[in-house]
Protein backbone atom coordinates (compact mmCIF):
# COMPACT_ATOMS: atom_id res chain seq x y z
CA MET A 1 22.18 -7.75 1.32
CA ALA A 2 20.53 -6.43 -1.83
CA ILE A 3 16.94 -5.26 -1.91
CA SER A 4 14.94 -6.34 -4.94
CA LEU A 5 12.41 -3.65 -5.81
CA VAL A 6 9.80 -4.65 -8.36
CA ASP A 7 6.69 -3.06 -9.83
CA ALA A 8 3.11 -4.31 -9.79
CA LYS A 9 3.42 -5.62 -13.35
CA TYR A 10 6.21 -7.94 -12.24
CA LEU A 11 4.08 -9.08 -9.28
CA GLN A 12 1.19 -9.75 -11.65
CA GLU A 13 3.44 -12.00 -13.70
CA CYS A 14 4.76 -13.82 -10.62
CA TYR A 15 1.60 -14.19 -8.54
CA GLY A 16 -1.22 -13.73 -11.05
CA ILE A 17 -2.70 -10.84 -9.07
CA PRO A 18 -3.74 -8.03 -11.46
CA VAL A 19 -1.93 -4.68 -11.38
CA GLN A 20 -5.22 -2.98 -10.51
CA THR A 21 -5.61 -5.16 -7.39
CA TRP A 22 -2.22 -4.00 -6.11
CA ALA A 23 -3.36 -0.39 -6.65
CA VAL A 24 -6.64 -0.97 -4.81
CA TRP A 25 -4.78 -2.56 -1.91
CA ARG A 26 -2.50 0.50 -1.68
CA THR A 27 -5.54 2.80 -1.67
CA LYS A 28 -7.17 0.77 1.11
CA GLN A 29 -3.90 0.50 3.04
CA ILE A 30 -3.97 -3.30 2.88
CA GLY A 31 -1.55 -5.67 1.24
CA PRO A 32 2.22 -5.68 1.45
CA PRO A 33 4.29 -2.56 2.16
CA TRP A 34 5.46 -0.52 -0.80
CA VAL A 35 8.04 2.14 -1.58
CA LYS A 36 7.19 5.33 -3.42
CA LEU A 37 10.10 6.87 -5.31
CA ASN A 38 8.80 10.14 -6.73
CA ARG A 39 5.85 8.86 -8.76
CA LEU A 40 7.09 5.27 -9.03
CA VAL A 41 5.61 2.61 -6.75
CA ARG A 42 7.82 -0.37 -6.04
CA TYR A 43 7.60 -3.40 -3.78
CA ASP A 44 10.42 -5.11 -1.92
CA LEU A 45 10.11 -8.70 -3.12
CA ALA A 46 11.21 -10.10 0.26
CA LEU A 47 8.48 -8.10 2.03
CA VAL A 48 5.87 -9.29 -0.45
CA ASP A 49 6.90 -12.90 0.21
CA SER A 50 6.77 -12.28 3.97
CA TRP A 51 3.31 -10.70 3.68
CA ILE A 52 2.05 -13.66 1.68
CA ALA A 53 3.47 -16.10 4.26
CA ALA A 54 1.89 -14.14 7.12
CA ASN A 55 -1.50 -14.23 5.39
CA THR A 56 -1.46 -17.90 4.51
CA VAL A 57 -4.46 -19.70 5.96
CA THR A 58 -4.12 -23.32 6.99
CA PRO A 59 -7.39 -25.24 7.24
CA ALA A 60 -8.19 -26.58 10.69
CA ASP A 61 -7.67 -30.30 11.20
CA ALA A 62 -10.89 -32.25 10.78
């Protein structure tokens, strides 16, 4: 099983969430987990998808 590590710029392109928002989330310890390799910050794409799924809100039935 291969791990796909991507940067915040890639996530911006995929999800439309600005690079700066990813940085703020890291600072506030919110958002998906990340990996720090020396000075490089990377995200495991599978964990980002899981985090998004876990934070999906479904409106209550009316």
